[in-house]
Amino acid sequence: MAWTETTRRQYRRDDLIYASDLRDEKWVLIEPMMLRSKRLGRPRHTDLRRVVEALLIL
């Protein structure tokens, strides 16, 4: 597949810090599958998006 201007725009990652960073469009698909924080106990302080991105590095 040759790179065209359309595909270059679609796959451009210049605005992301790391190659494993998720774009908002992909996070919208993943987020509903993540566990919700429980009502009881400590509130969650961990950003699950960053956890998923860290796993993508591996």
N, C-alpha and C. Protein backbone atom coordinates (compact mmCIF):
# COMPACT_ATOMS: atom_id res chain seq x y z
N MET A 1 0.84 -1.18 0.00
CA MET A 1 0.00 0.00 0.00
C MET A 1 0.89 1.25 0.00
N ALA A 2 0.69 2.09 -0.93
CA ALA A 2 1.45 3.33 -1.01
C ALA A 2 0.82 4.38 -0.10
N TRP A 3 1.65 5.24 0.45
CA TRP A 3 1.14 6.32 1.29
C TRP A 3 0.57 7.41 0.41
N THR A 4 -0.66 7.75 0.69
CA THR A 4 -1.30 8.87 0.00
C THR A 4 -1.50 9.98 1.03
N GLU A 5 -1.90 11.13 0.58
CA GLU A 5 -2.15 12.24 1.52
C GLU A 5 -3.26 11.89 2.50
N THR A 6 -4.25 11.13 2.06
CA THR A 6 -5.34 10.72 2.94
C THR A 6 -4.84 9.79 4.03
N THR A 7 -4.04 8.79 3.66
CA THR A 7 -3.55 7.86 4.67
C THR A 7 -2.51 8.51 5.57
N ARG A 8 -1.74 9.44 5.04
CA ARG A 8 -0.77 10.14 5.88
C ARG A 8 -1.49 10.91 6.98
N ARG A 9 -2.58 11.61 6.65
CA ARG A 9 -3.36 12.34 7.66
C ARG A 9 -3.99 11.39 8.66
N GLN A 10 -4.48 10.27 8.17
CA GLN A 10 -5.18 9.31 9.03
C GLN A 10 -4.25 8.69 10.07
N TYR A 11 -3.03 8.38 9.69
CA TYR A 11 -2.11 7.67 10.58
C TYR A 11 -1.04 8.56 11.20
N ARG A 12 -1.14 9.85 11.01
CA ARG A 12 -0.16 10.77 11.59
C ARG A 12 -0.23 10.72 13.11
N ARG A 13 0.92 10.68 13.75
CA ARG A 13 0.99 10.58 15.20
C ARG A 13 1.90 11.67 15.79
N ASP A 14 2.06 12.77 15.06
CA ASP A 14 2.94 13.84 15.51
C ASP A 14 2.47 14.49 16.80
N ASP A 15 1.15 14.51 17.02
CA ASP A 15 0.61 15.20 18.19
C ASP A 15 0.66 14.34 19.45
N LEU A 16 1.10 13.09 19.35
CA LEU A 16 1.18 12.21 20.50
C LEU A 16 2.61 12.15 21.03
N ILE A 17 2.75 12.02 22.33
CA ILE A 17 4.08 12.00 22.93
C ILE A 17 4.76 10.65 22.68
N TYR A 18 4.03 9.56 22.92
CA TYR A 18 4.58 8.22 22.75
C TYR A 18 3.80 7.48 21.67
N ALA A 19 4.43 6.51 21.07
CA ALA A 19 3.77 5.73 20.02
C ALA A 19 2.60 4.93 20.59
N SER A 20 2.63 4.63 21.88
CA SER A 20 1.56 3.83 22.49
C SER A 20 0.37 4.68 22.94
N ASP A 21 0.46 6.00 22.83
CA ASP A 21 -0.66 6.85 23.24
C ASP A 21 -1.88 6.57 22.39
N LEU A 22 -3.03 6.54 23.04
CA LEU A 22 -4.28 6.27 22.34
C LEU A 22 -4.93 7.57 21.89
N ARG A 23 -5.49 7.52 20.73
CA ARG A 23 -6.29 8.65 20.27
C ARG A 23 -7.67 8.54 20.92
N ASP A 24 -8.38 9.64 20.97
CA ASP A 24 -9.69 9.66 21.61
C ASP A 24 -10.67 8.69 20.95
N GLU A 25 -10.58 8.54 19.64
CA GLU A 25 -11.50 7.65 18.92
C GLU A 25 -11.33 6.20 19.38
N LYS A 26 -10.10 5.80 19.63
CA LYS A 26 -9.86 4.43 20.08
C LYS A 26 -10.23 4.25 21.54
N TRP A 27 -9.97 5.28 22.36
CA TRP A 27 -10.31 5.18 23.78
C TRP A 27 -11.82 5.06 23.98
N VAL A 28 -12.60 5.72 23.13
CA VAL A 28 -14.06 5.63 23.22
C VAL A 28 -14.51 4.18 23.05
N LEU A 29 -13.80 3.41 22.25
CA LEU A 29 -14.15 1.99 22.06
C LEU A 29 -13.72 1.13 23.24
N ILE A 30 -12.61 1.47 23.87
CA ILE A 30 -12.06 0.66 24.96
C ILE A 30 -12.70 0.99 26.31
N GLU A 31 -13.00 2.24 26.54
CA GLU A 31 -13.47 2.69 27.86
C GLU A 31 -14.69 1.92 28.39
N PRO A 32 -15.70 1.61 27.58
CA PRO A 32 -16.85 0.88 28.13
C PRO A 32 -16.50 -0.51 28.67
N MET A 33 -15.38 -1.08 28.24
CA MET A 33 -14.98 -2.41 28.71
C MET A 33 -14.24 -2.37 30.04
N MET A 34 -13.84 -1.18 30.48
CA MET A 34 -13.10 -1.05 31.72
C MET A 34 -14.06 -1.14 32.91
N LEU A 35 -13.56 -1.70 34.01
CA LEU A 35 -14.38 -1.83 35.22
C LEU A 35 -14.67 -0.46 35.81
N ARG A 36 -15.89 -0.27 36.24
CA ARG A 36 -16.27 0.97 36.91
C ARG A 36 -15.74 0.93 38.33
N SER A 37 -15.50 2.08 38.90
CA SER A 37 -15.05 2.11 40.29
C SER A 37 -16.22 1.71 41.18
N LYS A 38 -15.89 1.05 42.28
CA LYS A 38 -16.92 0.57 43.19
C LYS A 38 -17.45 1.71 44.04
N ARG A 39 -18.66 1.52 44.50
CA ARG A 39 -19.29 2.55 45.32
C ARG A 39 -18.66 2.61 46.70
N LEU A 40 -18.29 1.46 47.22
CA LEU A 40 -17.68 1.39 48.54
C LEU A 40 -16.16 1.35 48.43
N GLY A 41 -15.48 1.74 49.49
CA GLY A 41 -14.02 1.72 49.48
C GLY A 41 -13.43 3.02 49.00
N ARG A 42 -12.14 2.99 48.79
CA ARG A 42 -11.44 4.20 48.36
C ARG A 42 -11.80 4.56 46.93
N PRO A 43 -11.85 5.85 46.65
CA PRO A 43 -12.08 6.25 45.25
C PRO A 43 -10.85 5.96 44.41
N ARG A 44 -11.06 5.67 43.16
CA ARG A 44 -9.96 5.37 42.25
C ARG A 44 -9.24 6.66 41.87
N HIS A 45 -7.93 6.63 41.95
CA HIS A 45 -7.12 7.78 41.55
C HIS A 45 -6.31 7.47 40.29
N THR A 46 -6.32 6.23 39.86
CA THR A 46 -5.54 5.80 38.71
C THR A 46 -6.30 6.09 37.43
N ASP A 47 -5.63 6.67 36.47
CA ASP A 47 -6.23 6.94 35.17
C ASP A 47 -6.10 5.66 34.33
N LEU A 48 -7.23 5.02 34.05
CA LEU A 48 -7.21 3.74 33.34
C LEU A 48 -6.70 3.88 31.91
N ARG A 49 -6.87 5.02 31.34
CA ARG A 49 -6.35 5.23 29.98
C ARG A 49 -4.83 5.12 29.99
N ARG A 50 -4.18 5.69 30.99
CA ARG A 50 -2.72 5.60 31.08
C ARG A 50 -2.27 4.17 31.35
N VAL A 51 -3.06 3.41 32.09
CA VAL A 51 -2.73 2.00 32.35
C VAL A 51 -2.75 1.22 31.04
N VAL A 52 -3.79 1.42 30.24
CA VAL A 52 -3.89 0.72 28.95
C VAL A 52 -2.73 1.13 28.04
N GLU A 53 -2.39 2.40 28.02
CA GLU A 53 -1.28 2.84 27.19
C GLU A 53 0.04 2.21 27.65
N ALA A 54 0.21 2.07 28.96
CA ALA A 54 1.42 1.43 29.48
C ALA A 54 1.47 -0.03 29.05
N LEU A 55 0.34 -0.70 29.04
CA LEU A 55 0.31 -2.10 28.60
C LEU A 55 0.62 -2.22 27.10
N LEU A 56 0.26 -1.24 26.34
CA LEU A 56 0.53 -1.28 24.89
C LEU A 56 2.01 -1.15 24.58
N ILE A 57 2.78 -0.59 25.50
CA ILE A 57 4.22 -0.47 25.31
C ILE A 57 4.86 -1.86 25.31
N LEU A 58 4.32 -2.74 26.16
CA LEU A 58 4.89 -4.08 26.26
C LEU A 58 4.62 -4.79 25.00
